[in-house]
Amino acid sequence: MRYVLERVSGPDTEPVTLAEAKRHLREFDGVTDNDADITALIQGAREWVEEFTGRALFEQQWRLTIGDQVLVDTVSQPARYCAPRETLGTEIYLRKSPALAIVSFVSVDAAGVETAVDADSYALREASSRWPRVVALNGANWSTGVYKIVFRAGYADTVSSPAQDASVIPERYKQAMKLWIEAMYDRDERMMETLLKTAEGLIRGERVELGFA
């Protein structure tokens, strides 16, 4: 099946706070001249970690459009790592993990009209694993047509009761973010490569490919 994976909405909170980033950079709390730049680097670091690993840290929404008539930009969405293959028609991998919940699941006809897929005909499986997937129930089959799945993903579920915060995100991701921030903030050519390699080493074991076609 061909697919397009798009972020619908990003997180409202970052895994690393401004105070934590400034402490790592050895910046004085009372000096705020560079706060805007550091805040932008925090977001950039989180996005880099998520892109590198295929994971979502703080809760965000994604939309997967998949089917036999989906146009795919294979240049911007190359296949990079080994991953399991779908059993066409009976399971769909969400390609972003960990998955928190399915928001909506619809079929799309040739005219673009969307019809909700019966909630009793599917279930979310292995949600917290590297390869969360939607599986067909009661004889359902999705081998033809186009489908859109909107789902929530992230280690920290901000909708749960009580809402989760950055403390549930594995520390290695936050440490990798801080090293990336340091590399981009100082831009010391002698240290940048070392810092980035160290950051990658911290999270390489979590790197998964959820973007296979």
Protein backbone atom coordinates (compact mmCIF):
# COMPACT_ATOMS: atom_id res chain seq x y z
CA MET A 1 0.00 0.00 0.00
CA ARG A 2 1.11 3.56 -0.66
CA TYR A 3 0.86 6.12 2.10
CA VAL A 4 1.30 9.71 3.23
CA LEU A 5 2.05 10.46 6.91
CA GLU A 6 1.37 14.02 8.09
CA ARG A 7 1.51 15.72 11.48
CA VAL A 8 -1.90 17.24 12.24
CA SER A 9 -0.87 19.05 15.41
CA GLY A 10 2.29 19.31 17.45
CA PRO A 11 2.74 19.21 21.21
CA ASP A 12 2.01 22.24 23.38
CA THR A 13 4.91 21.43 25.71
CA GLU A 14 8.52 20.46 25.10
CA PRO A 15 10.35 17.60 26.88
CA VAL A 16 13.18 19.96 27.88
CA THR A 17 12.33 23.26 29.57
CA LEU A 18 14.07 26.56 28.90
CA ALA A 19 15.57 26.45 32.40
CA GLU A 20 16.95 22.94 31.82
CA ALA A 21 18.45 23.92 28.48
CA LYS A 22 20.06 27.05 29.93
CA ARG A 23 21.50 25.04 32.80
CA HIS A 24 23.01 22.56 30.33
CA LEU A 25 24.46 25.46 28.33
CA ARG A 26 25.76 27.06 31.53
CA GLU A 27 23.76 30.21 30.85
CA PHE A 28 22.82 32.43 33.80
CA ASP A 29 19.13 32.28 34.68
CA GLY A 30 18.93 36.06 34.93
CA VAL A 31 20.34 36.63 31.45
CA THR A 32 17.46 36.44 28.99
CA ASP A 33 19.03 37.91 25.83
CA ASN A 34 19.26 34.50 24.16
CA ASP A 35 16.07 32.93 25.53
CA ALA A 36 14.20 33.15 22.21
CA ASP A 37 17.04 31.45 20.35
CA ILE A 38 17.33 28.69 22.96
CA THR A 39 13.56 28.15 22.92
CA ALA A 40 13.68 27.70 19.13
CA LEU A 41 16.55 25.23 19.52
CA ILE A 42 14.54 23.20 22.03
CA GLN A 43 11.79 22.68 19.46
CA GLY A 44 14.36 21.92 16.79
CA ALA A 45 16.03 19.35 19.04
CA ARG A 46 12.76 17.59 19.78
CA GLU A 47 11.88 17.46 16.08
CA TRP A 48 15.36 16.11 15.27
CA VAL A 49 15.02 13.36 17.88
CA GLU A 50 11.57 12.42 16.59
CA GLU A 51 12.74 12.35 12.97
CA PHE A 52 15.85 10.34 13.84
CA THR A 53 14.01 7.73 15.88
CA GLY A 54 10.53 7.62 14.33
CA ARG A 55 9.10 8.23 17.80
CA ALA A 56 6.81 10.92 19.20
CA LEU A 57 7.73 12.38 22.59
CA PHE A 58 4.96 14.67 23.86
CA GLU A 59 1.45 13.92 22.64
CA GLN A 60 0.70 15.01 19.08
CA GLN A 61 -1.74 14.06 16.35
CA TRP A 62 -0.83 12.39 13.04
CA ARG A 63 -2.84 11.51 9.95
CA LEU A 64 -1.98 8.43 7.88
CA THR A 65 -3.51 8.29 4.41
CA ILE A 66 -3.02 4.86 2.91
CA GLY A 67 -4.34 2.84 0.00
CA ASP A 68 -3.86 1.69 -3.55
CA GLN A 69 -4.53 5.14 -5.08
CA VAL A 70 -2.48 7.40 -2.79
CA LEU A 71 0.15 9.56 -4.48
CA VAL A 72 3.48 9.34 -2.68
CA ASP A 73 6.51 11.62 -2.88
CA THR A 74 9.20 8.93 -2.77
CA VAL A 75 11.97 11.53 -2.72
CA SER A 76 10.92 13.17 0.54
CA GLN A 77 9.73 9.88 2.09
CA PRO A 78 12.48 7.35 1.36
CA ALA A 79 12.50 3.92 2.99
CA ARG A 80 15.52 3.78 5.30
CA TYR A 81 15.40 0.96 7.82
CA CYS A 82 14.20 -2.58 8.15
CA ALA A 83 10.59 -2.94 9.27
CA PRO A 84 7.79 -5.50 9.18
CA ARG A 85 5.44 -5.62 6.21
CA GLU A 86 1.71 -5.30 6.42
CA THR A 87 -0.56 -8.19 5.62
CA LEU A 88 -2.45 -6.33 2.94
CA GLY A 89 -6.07 -5.85 3.84
CA THR A 90 -5.96 -7.00 7.46
CA GLU A 91 -3.48 -4.69 9.21
CA ILE A 92 -2.13 -1.16 8.87
CA TYR A 93 1.05 0.00 10.61
CA LEU A 94 0.71 3.56 11.92
CA ARG A 95 4.35 4.46 11.23
CA LYS A 96 4.72 6.64 14.34
CA SER A 97 5.12 5.33 17.88
CA PRO A 98 4.14 4.96 20.62
CA ALA A 99 0.47 5.23 19.66
CA LEU A 100 -1.98 6.48 22.28
CA ALA A 101 -5.38 6.18 20.59
CA ILE A 102 -7.21 6.24 17.28
CA VAL A 103 -9.05 9.55 16.82
CA SER A 104 -10.79 8.70 13.55
CA PHE A 105 -10.68 6.04 10.84
CA VAL A 106 -12.48 6.70 7.55
CA SER A 107 -12.60 5.36 4.01
CA VAL A 108 -12.40 7.83 1.13
CA ASP A 109 -14.19 7.27 -2.17
CA ALA A 110 -13.17 8.53 -5.62
CA ALA A 111 -15.12 11.76 -5.07
CA GLY A 112 -13.32 12.45 -1.78
CA VAL A 113 -16.32 11.62 0.39
CA GLU A 114 -15.30 10.19 3.75
CA THR A 115 -17.20 7.41 5.52
CA ALA A 116 -16.42 6.31 9.06
CA VAL A 117 -15.09 2.78 9.38
CA ASP A 118 -17.13 0.73 11.88
CA ALA A 119 -15.31 0.88 15.22
CA ASP A 120 -16.16 -2.78 15.83
CA SER A 121 -14.20 -3.79 12.71
CA TYR A 122 -10.74 -2.81 13.96
CA ALA A 123 -8.53 -2.59 17.03
CA LEU A 124 -5.25 -0.91 17.97
CA ARG A 125 -2.53 -3.46 18.76
CA GLU A 126 1.00 -3.18 20.22
CA ALA A 127 0.33 0.51 20.83
CA SER A 128 3.44 1.10 22.94
CA SER A 129 5.75 -0.98 20.75
CA ARG A 130 7.97 0.17 17.92
CA TRP A 131 5.36 -0.91 15.35
CA PRO A 132 1.84 -0.07 16.52
CA ARG A 133 -0.79 -1.27 14.11
CA VAL A 134 -4.51 -1.29 13.42
CA VAL A 135 -5.79 -4.83 12.82
CA ALA A 136 -9.00 -5.90 11.11
CA LEU A 137 -11.70 -7.67 13.11
CA ASN A 138 -14.81 -9.61 12.15
CA GLY A 139 -13.65 -10.29 8.60
CA ALA A 140 -12.92 -6.67 7.67
CA ASN A 141 -10.59 -6.13 4.71
CA TRP A 142 -8.79 -2.99 3.51
CA SER A 143 -6.94 -4.37 0.49
CA THR A 144 -8.50 -1.84 -1.91
CA GLY A 145 -9.51 1.80 -1.62
CA VAL A 146 -8.09 4.71 0.36
CA TYR A 147 -8.24 5.15 4.12
CA LYS A 148 -7.37 7.95 6.53
CA ILE A 149 -6.44 7.29 10.14
CA VAL A 150 -5.95 10.16 12.59
CA PHE A 151 -4.27 9.05 15.81
CA ARG A 152 -2.61 10.42 18.92
CA ALA A 153 1.02 9.47 19.53
CA GLY A 154 3.63 10.18 22.18
CA TYR A 155 5.23 8.93 25.38
CA ALA A 156 3.47 11.62 27.42
CA ASP A 157 -0.33 11.46 27.18
CA THR A 158 -1.52 14.97 28.05
CA VAL A 159 -5.20 13.99 27.71
CA SER A 160 -5.07 11.22 30.29
CA SER A 161 -6.30 11.68 33.84
CA PRO A 162 -4.07 12.70 35.45
CA ALA A 163 -2.25 14.27 32.52
CA GLN A 164 1.30 13.02 32.03
CA ASP A 165 4.31 15.30 31.82
CA ALA A 166 7.94 15.10 30.66
CA SER A 167 8.85 12.80 33.55
CA VAL A 168 7.44 9.80 31.63
CA ILE A 169 9.65 10.45 28.58
CA PRO A 170 12.79 8.27 28.70
CA GLU A 171 15.76 10.34 29.85
CA ARG A 172 17.94 9.35 26.88
CA TYR A 173 15.74 11.38 24.54
CA LYS A 174 16.05 14.47 26.70
CA GLN A 175 19.81 14.07 27.03
CA ALA A 176 20.10 13.73 23.25
CA MET A 177 18.06 16.91 22.87
CA LYS A 178 20.39 18.82 25.19
CA LEU A 179 23.48 17.70 23.29
CA TRP A 180 21.89 18.72 19.98
CA ILE A 181 21.00 22.12 21.47
CA GLU A 182 24.56 22.57 22.67
CA ALA A 183 25.98 21.67 19.26
CA MET A 184 23.71 24.12 17.45
CA TYR A 185 24.06 26.87 20.07
CA ASP A 186 27.83 26.97 20.30
CA ARG A 187 28.54 25.94 16.69
CA ASP A 188 32.09 25.07 17.65
CA GLU A 189 33.30 23.06 14.66
CA ARG A 190 35.73 21.15 16.86
CA MET A 191 32.95 19.96 19.17
CA MET A 192 29.85 19.91 16.98
CA GLU A 193 30.57 16.56 15.35
CA THR A 194 31.38 14.95 18.70
CA LEU A 195 28.23 16.31 20.33
CA LEU A 196 25.99 15.18 17.48
CA LYS A 197 27.53 11.72 17.36
CA THR A 198 27.08 11.38 21.12
CA ALA A 199 23.45 12.49 20.82
CA GLU A 200 22.82 9.94 18.06
CA GLY A 201 24.50 7.22 20.10
CA LEU A 202 22.12 7.80 23.00
CA ILE A 203 19.02 7.13 20.90
CA ARG A 204 20.25 4.96 18.04
CA GLY A 205 18.91 1.86 19.79
CA GLU A 206 15.41 3.36 19.64
CA ARG A 207 15.57 4.10 15.92
CA VAL A 208 12.82 2.34 13.98
CA GLU A 209 11.42 2.60 10.48
CA LEU A 210 7.68 3.19 10.45
CA GLY A 211 7.70 4.74 7.00
CA PHE A 212 8.02 1.62 4.86
CA ALA A 213 5.82 1.38 1.79
